[in-house]
N, C-alpha and C. Protein backbone atom coordinates (compact mmCIF):
# COMPACT_ATOMS: atom_id res chain seq x y z
N UNK A 1 3.04 -31.47 -3.80
CA UNK A 1 2.19 -32.35 -4.54
C UNK A 1 2.80 -32.57 -5.92
N UNK A 2 3.07 -33.82 -6.29
CA UNK A 2 3.67 -34.08 -7.60
C UNK A 2 2.77 -33.58 -8.74
N UNK A 3 3.40 -33.02 -9.75
CA UNK A 3 2.64 -32.45 -10.86
C UNK A 3 1.91 -33.49 -11.70
N UNK A 4 2.51 -34.66 -11.92
CA UNK A 4 1.90 -35.67 -12.78
C UNK A 4 1.14 -36.73 -12.00
N UNK A 5 0.79 -36.43 -10.77
CA UNK A 5 0.10 -37.38 -9.89
C UNK A 5 -1.36 -37.52 -10.31
N UNK A 6 -1.88 -38.73 -10.24
CA UNK A 6 -3.31 -38.94 -10.40
C UNK A 6 -3.89 -39.21 -9.02
N UNK A 7 -5.19 -38.99 -8.89
CA UNK A 7 -5.80 -39.01 -7.57
C UNK A 7 -7.06 -39.87 -7.53
N UNK A 8 -7.28 -40.49 -6.37
CA UNK A 8 -8.56 -41.12 -6.07
C UNK A 8 -9.49 -40.04 -5.54
N UNK A 9 -8.97 -39.20 -4.65
CA UNK A 9 -9.68 -38.03 -4.16
C UNK A 9 -8.87 -36.82 -4.58
N UNK A 10 -9.48 -35.94 -5.35
CA UNK A 10 -8.80 -34.73 -5.82
C UNK A 10 -8.42 -33.84 -4.64
N UNK A 11 -7.32 -33.11 -4.76
CA UNK A 11 -6.93 -32.21 -3.67
C UNK A 11 -8.04 -31.21 -3.36
N UNK A 12 -8.29 -31.05 -2.06
CA UNK A 12 -9.29 -30.08 -1.64
C UNK A 12 -8.81 -29.43 -0.35
N UNK A 13 -9.14 -28.15 -0.20
CA UNK A 13 -8.79 -27.42 1.01
C UNK A 13 -9.85 -27.71 2.05
N UNK A 14 -9.47 -28.40 3.12
CA UNK A 14 -10.40 -28.64 4.22
C UNK A 14 -10.55 -27.37 5.04
N UNK A 15 -9.47 -26.60 5.12
CA UNK A 15 -9.44 -25.26 5.72
C UNK A 15 -8.39 -24.50 4.92
N UNK A 16 -8.27 -23.18 5.14
CA UNK A 16 -7.19 -22.46 4.45
C UNK A 16 -5.80 -23.01 4.80
N UNK A 17 -5.67 -23.67 5.94
CA UNK A 17 -4.37 -24.18 6.37
C UNK A 17 -4.16 -25.66 6.16
N UNK A 18 -5.11 -26.35 5.51
CA UNK A 18 -5.00 -27.80 5.36
C UNK A 18 -5.57 -28.27 4.03
N UNK A 19 -4.72 -28.93 3.25
CA UNK A 19 -5.16 -29.55 1.99
C UNK A 19 -5.11 -31.05 2.18
N UNK A 20 -6.11 -31.73 1.65
CA UNK A 20 -6.22 -33.18 1.77
C UNK A 20 -6.47 -33.77 0.39
N UNK A 21 -5.81 -34.90 0.12
CA UNK A 21 -6.09 -35.65 -1.11
C UNK A 21 -5.69 -37.10 -0.92
N UNK A 22 -6.10 -37.92 -1.87
CA UNK A 22 -5.72 -39.33 -1.87
C UNK A 22 -5.09 -39.66 -3.21
N UNK A 23 -3.87 -40.15 -3.15
CA UNK A 23 -3.12 -40.50 -4.35
C UNK A 23 -3.72 -41.73 -5.01
N UNK A 24 -3.38 -41.94 -6.26
CA UNK A 24 -3.88 -43.10 -7.02
C UNK A 24 -3.44 -44.42 -6.39
N UNK A 25 -2.32 -44.42 -5.67
CA UNK A 25 -1.86 -45.65 -5.02
C UNK A 25 -2.53 -45.88 -3.67
N UNK A 26 -3.48 -45.02 -3.31
CA UNK A 26 -4.25 -45.18 -2.08
C UNK A 26 -3.72 -44.42 -0.88
N UNK A 27 -2.56 -43.81 -0.98
CA UNK A 27 -1.99 -43.08 0.15
C UNK A 27 -2.75 -41.78 0.36
N UNK A 28 -3.19 -41.58 1.61
CA UNK A 28 -3.83 -40.32 1.99
C UNK A 28 -2.74 -39.30 2.28
N UNK A 29 -2.98 -38.04 1.90
CA UNK A 29 -2.00 -36.98 2.12
C UNK A 29 -2.69 -35.77 2.75
N UNK A 30 -2.09 -35.28 3.84
CA UNK A 30 -2.51 -34.03 4.47
C UNK A 30 -1.34 -33.06 4.34
N UNK A 31 -1.60 -31.87 3.77
CA UNK A 31 -0.57 -30.84 3.64
C UNK A 31 -0.97 -29.70 4.58
N UNK A 32 -0.17 -29.51 5.63
CA UNK A 32 -0.44 -28.48 6.63
C UNK A 32 0.26 -27.18 6.27
N UNK A 33 -0.49 -26.07 6.37
CA UNK A 33 0.09 -24.75 6.19
C UNK A 33 0.00 -23.93 7.48
N UNK A 34 -0.79 -24.42 8.42
CA UNK A 34 -0.85 -23.80 9.75
C UNK A 34 -1.36 -24.85 10.73
N UNK A 35 -1.36 -24.48 11.99
CA UNK A 35 -1.80 -25.39 13.06
C UNK A 35 -2.89 -24.72 13.90
N UNK A 36 -3.77 -23.96 13.24
CA UNK A 36 -4.86 -23.30 13.97
C UNK A 36 -5.85 -24.35 14.47
N UNK A 37 -6.64 -24.02 15.47
CA UNK A 37 -7.66 -24.97 15.94
C UNK A 37 -8.59 -25.46 14.82
N UNK A 38 -8.95 -24.58 13.90
CA UNK A 38 -9.83 -24.98 12.78
C UNK A 38 -9.15 -26.03 11.91
N UNK A 39 -7.87 -25.84 11.62
CA UNK A 39 -7.10 -26.80 10.83
C UNK A 39 -6.97 -28.12 11.56
N UNK A 40 -6.63 -28.06 12.83
CA UNK A 40 -6.44 -29.27 13.63
C UNK A 40 -7.73 -30.07 13.73
N UNK A 41 -8.85 -29.39 13.94
CA UNK A 41 -10.14 -30.07 14.03
C UNK A 41 -10.50 -30.72 12.70
N UNK A 42 -10.29 -30.03 11.60
CA UNK A 42 -10.58 -30.60 10.28
C UNK A 42 -9.72 -31.83 10.03
N UNK A 43 -8.43 -31.76 10.40
CA UNK A 43 -7.56 -32.93 10.26
C UNK A 43 -8.08 -34.09 11.09
N UNK A 44 -8.44 -33.84 12.35
CA UNK A 44 -8.88 -34.92 13.24
C UNK A 44 -10.13 -35.61 12.70
N UNK A 45 -11.08 -34.84 12.20
CA UNK A 45 -12.31 -35.42 11.65
C UNK A 45 -12.00 -36.28 10.43
N UNK A 46 -11.22 -35.74 9.48
CA UNK A 46 -10.91 -36.49 8.25
C UNK A 46 -10.06 -37.71 8.55
N UNK A 47 -9.08 -37.57 9.43
CA UNK A 47 -8.21 -38.69 9.78
C UNK A 47 -9.01 -39.83 10.42
N UNK A 48 -9.92 -39.50 11.31
CA UNK A 48 -10.75 -40.52 11.96
C UNK A 48 -11.64 -41.22 10.93
N UNK A 49 -12.19 -40.47 9.99
CA UNK A 49 -13.01 -41.08 8.93
C UNK A 49 -12.18 -42.06 8.10
N UNK A 50 -10.96 -41.65 7.76
CA UNK A 50 -10.08 -42.51 6.98
C UNK A 50 -9.77 -43.80 7.74
N UNK A 51 -9.45 -43.66 9.03
CA UNK A 51 -9.13 -44.84 9.85
C UNK A 51 -10.30 -45.80 9.93
N UNK A 52 -11.49 -45.27 10.15
CA UNK A 52 -12.68 -46.14 10.24
C UNK A 52 -12.93 -46.89 8.93
N UNK A 53 -12.77 -46.20 7.81
CA UNK A 53 -13.00 -46.84 6.51
C UNK A 53 -11.98 -47.96 6.27
N UNK A 54 -10.72 -47.72 6.59
CA UNK A 54 -9.70 -48.75 6.41
C UNK A 54 -9.93 -49.92 7.35
N UNK A 55 -10.32 -49.63 8.58
CA UNK A 55 -10.58 -50.69 9.56
C UNK A 55 -11.74 -51.57 9.10
N UNK A 56 -12.82 -50.95 8.63
CA UNK A 56 -13.97 -51.71 8.15
C UNK A 56 -13.61 -52.56 6.94
N UNK A 57 -12.70 -52.07 6.11
CA UNK A 57 -12.28 -52.82 4.92
C UNK A 57 -11.20 -53.86 5.28
N UNK A 58 -10.71 -53.81 6.52
CA UNK A 58 -9.62 -54.70 6.99
C UNK A 58 -8.38 -54.58 6.10
N UNK A 59 -8.02 -53.33 5.84
CA UNK A 59 -6.87 -53.06 4.98
C UNK A 59 -5.90 -52.10 5.65
N UNK A 60 -4.70 -52.07 5.14
CA UNK A 60 -3.58 -51.28 5.65
C UNK A 60 -3.70 -49.85 5.15
N UNK A 61 -3.87 -48.91 6.06
CA UNK A 61 -3.98 -47.50 5.68
C UNK A 61 -2.61 -46.84 5.77
N UNK A 62 -2.28 -46.06 4.74
CA UNK A 62 -1.02 -45.33 4.69
C UNK A 62 -1.34 -43.84 4.55
N UNK A 63 -0.74 -43.03 5.43
CA UNK A 63 -1.01 -41.59 5.44
C UNK A 63 0.30 -40.82 5.50
N UNK A 64 0.39 -39.80 4.66
CA UNK A 64 1.55 -38.92 4.62
C UNK A 64 1.13 -37.55 5.13
N UNK A 65 1.82 -37.07 6.17
CA UNK A 65 1.59 -35.72 6.70
C UNK A 65 2.73 -34.84 6.23
N UNK A 66 2.44 -33.87 5.39
CA UNK A 66 3.45 -32.93 4.93
C UNK A 66 3.41 -31.73 5.86
N UNK A 67 4.38 -31.69 6.77
CA UNK A 67 4.42 -30.65 7.79
C UNK A 67 5.65 -29.77 7.63
N UNK A 68 6.21 -29.75 6.45
CA UNK A 68 7.42 -28.94 6.25
C UNK A 68 7.16 -27.49 6.63
N UNK A 69 8.02 -26.99 7.50
CA UNK A 69 7.93 -25.60 7.93
C UNK A 69 6.96 -25.37 9.08
N UNK A 70 6.33 -26.41 9.59
CA UNK A 70 5.35 -26.24 10.67
C UNK A 70 5.70 -27.15 11.83
N UNK A 71 6.68 -26.73 12.59
CA UNK A 71 7.21 -27.58 13.64
C UNK A 71 6.67 -27.25 15.01
N UNK A 72 5.89 -26.19 15.14
CA UNK A 72 5.34 -25.83 16.44
C UNK A 72 3.98 -26.49 16.59
N UNK A 73 3.86 -27.34 17.59
CA UNK A 73 2.59 -27.99 17.89
C UNK A 73 1.93 -27.29 19.06
N UNK A 74 0.71 -26.87 18.87
CA UNK A 74 -0.02 -26.24 19.96
C UNK A 74 -0.49 -27.31 20.93
N UNK A 75 -0.81 -26.94 22.15
CA UNK A 75 -1.40 -27.91 23.08
C UNK A 75 -2.68 -28.53 22.50
N UNK A 76 -3.43 -27.74 21.74
CA UNK A 76 -4.66 -28.27 21.12
C UNK A 76 -4.33 -29.36 20.11
N UNK A 77 -3.29 -29.15 19.29
CA UNK A 77 -2.88 -30.16 18.32
C UNK A 77 -2.45 -31.44 19.02
N UNK A 78 -1.67 -31.31 20.06
CA UNK A 78 -1.21 -32.49 20.79
C UNK A 78 -2.39 -33.23 21.40
N UNK A 79 -3.32 -32.49 22.02
CA UNK A 79 -4.50 -33.12 22.62
C UNK A 79 -5.34 -33.84 21.57
N UNK A 80 -5.54 -33.22 20.42
CA UNK A 80 -6.32 -33.85 19.34
C UNK A 80 -5.61 -35.08 18.79
N UNK A 81 -4.30 -35.00 18.64
CA UNK A 81 -3.54 -36.14 18.13
C UNK A 81 -3.64 -37.32 19.10
N UNK A 82 -3.55 -37.04 20.38
CA UNK A 82 -3.70 -38.10 21.38
C UNK A 82 -5.11 -38.68 21.33
N UNK A 83 -6.12 -37.83 21.20
CA UNK A 83 -7.51 -38.29 21.11
C UNK A 83 -7.71 -39.18 19.89
N UNK A 84 -7.22 -38.76 18.73
CA UNK A 84 -7.36 -39.56 17.51
C UNK A 84 -6.65 -40.90 17.68
N UNK A 85 -5.45 -40.88 18.27
CA UNK A 85 -4.69 -42.11 18.48
C UNK A 85 -5.45 -43.06 19.41
N UNK A 86 -6.04 -42.52 20.47
CA UNK A 86 -6.77 -43.36 21.42
C UNK A 86 -8.03 -43.94 20.80
N UNK A 87 -8.65 -43.22 19.88
CA UNK A 87 -9.88 -43.68 19.23
C UNK A 87 -9.61 -44.61 18.05
N UNK A 88 -8.36 -44.75 17.66
CA UNK A 88 -8.01 -45.62 16.55
C UNK A 88 -8.26 -47.07 16.96
N UNK A 89 -8.95 -47.84 16.11
CA UNK A 89 -9.20 -49.25 16.45
C UNK A 89 -7.90 -50.01 16.71
N UNK A 90 -7.91 -50.86 17.72
CA UNK A 90 -6.71 -51.60 18.13
C UNK A 90 -6.09 -52.42 17.02
N UNK A 91 -6.88 -53.01 16.16
CA UNK A 91 -6.35 -53.91 15.12
C UNK A 91 -6.14 -53.23 13.78
N UNK A 92 -6.25 -51.91 13.74
CA UNK A 92 -6.01 -51.20 12.48
C UNK A 92 -4.55 -51.34 12.08
N UNK A 93 -4.31 -51.70 10.83
CA UNK A 93 -2.95 -51.74 10.30
C UNK A 93 -2.72 -50.37 9.67
N UNK A 94 -1.75 -49.62 10.24
CA UNK A 94 -1.59 -48.22 9.86
C UNK A 94 -0.12 -47.85 9.78
N UNK A 95 0.24 -47.12 8.74
CA UNK A 95 1.59 -46.57 8.58
C UNK A 95 1.44 -45.08 8.31
N UNK A 96 2.14 -44.28 9.10
CA UNK A 96 2.09 -42.83 8.97
C UNK A 96 3.51 -42.32 8.73
N UNK A 97 3.67 -41.56 7.65
CA UNK A 97 4.95 -40.91 7.37
C UNK A 97 4.77 -39.42 7.54
N UNK A 98 5.65 -38.81 8.32
CA UNK A 98 5.62 -37.37 8.51
C UNK A 98 6.78 -36.79 7.72
N UNK A 99 6.45 -35.91 6.81
CA UNK A 99 7.44 -35.28 5.95
C UNK A 99 7.71 -33.88 6.48
N UNK A 100 8.96 -33.61 6.79
CA UNK A 100 9.29 -32.30 7.32
C UNK A 100 10.73 -31.93 7.02
N UNK A 101 11.05 -30.69 7.31
CA UNK A 101 12.44 -30.28 7.21
C UNK A 101 13.16 -30.78 8.46
N UNK A 102 14.47 -30.59 8.51
CA UNK A 102 15.25 -31.15 9.63
C UNK A 102 14.79 -30.62 10.99
N UNK A 103 14.43 -29.35 11.07
CA UNK A 103 13.96 -28.79 12.32
C UNK A 103 12.63 -29.44 12.73
N UNK A 104 11.73 -29.61 11.78
CA UNK A 104 10.45 -30.26 12.06
C UNK A 104 10.67 -31.64 12.64
N UNK A 105 11.53 -32.40 12.02
CA UNK A 105 11.79 -33.77 12.46
C UNK A 105 12.41 -33.80 13.85
N UNK A 106 13.32 -32.89 14.11
CA UNK A 106 13.96 -32.84 15.42
C UNK A 106 12.93 -32.54 16.51
N UNK A 107 12.09 -31.56 16.26
CA UNK A 107 11.12 -31.15 17.27
C UNK A 107 9.99 -32.17 17.42
N UNK A 108 9.49 -32.69 16.31
CA UNK A 108 8.32 -33.57 16.36
C UNK A 108 8.65 -35.04 16.57
N UNK A 109 9.85 -35.44 16.25
CA UNK A 109 10.20 -36.86 16.27
C UNK A 109 9.82 -37.59 17.54
N UNK A 110 10.20 -37.06 18.67
CA UNK A 110 9.91 -37.73 19.93
C UNK A 110 8.43 -37.74 20.27
N UNK A 111 7.73 -36.68 19.93
CA UNK A 111 6.31 -36.58 20.27
C UNK A 111 5.48 -37.56 19.44
N UNK A 112 5.67 -37.57 18.14
CA UNK A 112 4.77 -38.34 17.29
C UNK A 112 4.96 -39.85 17.41
N UNK A 113 6.14 -40.29 17.75
CA UNK A 113 6.35 -41.73 17.87
C UNK A 113 5.57 -42.33 19.03
N UNK A 114 5.25 -41.51 20.02
CA UNK A 114 4.48 -41.99 21.17
C UNK A 114 3.00 -42.10 20.87
N UNK A 115 2.56 -41.67 19.71
CA UNK A 115 1.14 -41.66 19.40
C UNK A 115 0.64 -42.97 18.81
N UNK A 116 1.51 -43.92 18.55
CA UNK A 116 1.07 -45.19 17.99
C UNK A 116 1.60 -46.36 18.82
N UNK A 117 1.03 -46.55 20.00
CA UNK A 117 1.51 -47.64 20.85
C UNK A 117 1.00 -49.01 20.41
N UNK A 118 0.11 -49.05 19.47
CA UNK A 118 -0.48 -50.32 19.05
C UNK A 118 0.48 -51.06 18.11
N UNK A 119 0.46 -52.37 18.19
CA UNK A 119 1.46 -53.21 17.53
C UNK A 119 1.51 -53.03 16.02
N UNK A 120 0.40 -52.90 15.35
CA UNK A 120 0.38 -52.87 13.89
C UNK A 120 0.35 -51.46 13.34
N UNK A 121 0.80 -50.50 14.14
CA UNK A 121 0.83 -49.11 13.72
C UNK A 121 2.24 -48.58 13.88
N UNK A 122 2.62 -47.68 12.98
CA UNK A 122 3.97 -47.13 13.05
C UNK A 122 3.99 -45.74 12.44
N UNK A 123 4.80 -44.87 13.04
CA UNK A 123 5.04 -43.53 12.51
C UNK A 123 6.54 -43.38 12.29
N UNK A 124 6.90 -42.85 11.14
CA UNK A 124 8.30 -42.53 10.84
C UNK A 124 8.34 -41.10 10.31
N UNK A 125 9.49 -40.47 10.50
CA UNK A 125 9.67 -39.11 10.01
C UNK A 125 10.73 -39.10 8.91
N UNK A 126 10.50 -38.25 7.92
CA UNK A 126 11.37 -38.19 6.74
C UNK A 126 11.57 -36.75 6.31
N UNK A 127 12.70 -36.51 5.64
CA UNK A 127 12.92 -35.21 5.01
C UNK A 127 12.67 -35.27 3.51
N UNK A 128 12.60 -36.48 2.96
CA UNK A 128 12.37 -36.64 1.52
C UNK A 128 11.14 -37.52 1.27
N UNK A 129 10.27 -37.06 0.39
CA UNK A 129 9.05 -37.79 0.09
C UNK A 129 9.35 -39.16 -0.52
N UNK A 130 10.37 -39.26 -1.36
CA UNK A 130 10.73 -40.55 -1.97
C UNK A 130 11.06 -41.59 -0.91
N UNK A 131 11.75 -41.18 0.14
CA UNK A 131 12.08 -42.11 1.22
C UNK A 131 10.82 -42.58 1.95
N UNK A 132 9.89 -41.66 2.14
CA UNK A 132 8.62 -42.02 2.79
C UNK A 132 7.86 -43.04 1.95
N UNK A 133 7.83 -42.84 0.64
CA UNK A 133 7.10 -43.76 -0.24
C UNK A 133 7.75 -45.14 -0.26
N UNK A 134 9.08 -45.19 -0.22
CA UNK A 134 9.77 -46.48 -0.13
C UNK A 134 9.43 -47.19 1.17
N UNK A 135 9.38 -46.45 2.26
CA UNK A 135 9.03 -47.02 3.55
C UNK A 135 7.62 -47.59 3.54
N UNK A 136 6.68 -46.87 2.91
CA UNK A 136 5.31 -47.39 2.79
C UNK A 136 5.32 -48.74 2.08
N UNK A 137 6.06 -48.84 0.99
CA UNK A 137 6.13 -50.11 0.24
C UNK A 137 6.72 -51.21 1.11
N UNK A 138 7.75 -50.89 1.88
CA UNK A 138 8.35 -51.88 2.78
C UNK A 138 7.35 -52.33 3.85
N UNK A 139 6.57 -51.39 4.38
CA UNK A 139 5.57 -51.72 5.40
C UNK A 139 4.48 -52.64 4.84
N UNK A 140 4.05 -52.39 3.62
CA UNK A 140 3.03 -53.24 3.00
C UNK A 140 3.57 -54.65 2.88
N UNK A 141 4.80 -54.79 2.42
CA UNK A 141 5.42 -56.13 2.28
C UNK A 141 5.62 -56.79 3.63
N UNK A 142 6.07 -56.03 4.62
CA UNK A 142 6.36 -56.58 5.95
C UNK A 142 5.10 -57.06 6.66
N UNK A 143 4.06 -56.26 6.60
CA UNK A 143 2.86 -56.57 7.37
C UNK A 143 1.94 -57.57 6.67
N UNK A 144 2.06 -57.66 5.37
CA UNK A 144 1.25 -58.62 4.63
C UNK A 144 -0.22 -58.29 4.55
N UNK A 145 -0.63 -57.14 5.05
CA UNK A 145 -2.03 -56.74 4.95
C UNK A 145 -2.23 -56.01 3.64
N UNK A 146 -3.35 -56.23 2.98
CA UNK A 146 -3.57 -55.52 1.71
C UNK A 146 -3.63 -54.01 1.93
N UNK A 147 -3.04 -53.26 1.02
CA UNK A 147 -3.05 -51.80 1.11
C UNK A 147 -4.45 -51.29 0.81
N UNK A 148 -4.88 -50.33 1.58
CA UNK A 148 -6.20 -49.71 1.41
C UNK A 148 -6.16 -48.81 0.18
N UNK A 149 -6.87 -49.20 -0.85
CA UNK A 149 -6.92 -48.41 -2.08
C UNK A 149 -8.35 -48.19 -2.52
């Protein structure tokens, strides 16, 4: 989490293994420290709420998942991720950046890209947060949908 960052939603621990906040530029951020069922359930509930709010506002939602050091996905995490993806509204404009170390990206890359089959949704994986933020800006320009702020 950047030290000089301002927030729309202040950082809060949803569980001991999951911190959630919203940056001043509107980007939602989830910082994972574990993949326990409690953490995964808290993520799924908050992520679904975020998606519904952006869909109702007809705006482009951008979410950053900081998963550095957490490359093992439990079957429960995969099932919840598939459930959240299936429940995502078809016309939601969504960009998801997954931030991880090289091992995280190698292991998760193939799995997470299959979670957004809808046309206006995309997931990319990054090792550097700056690259993820640049990609978000490119997605906003490319899609032409107003960013959810």
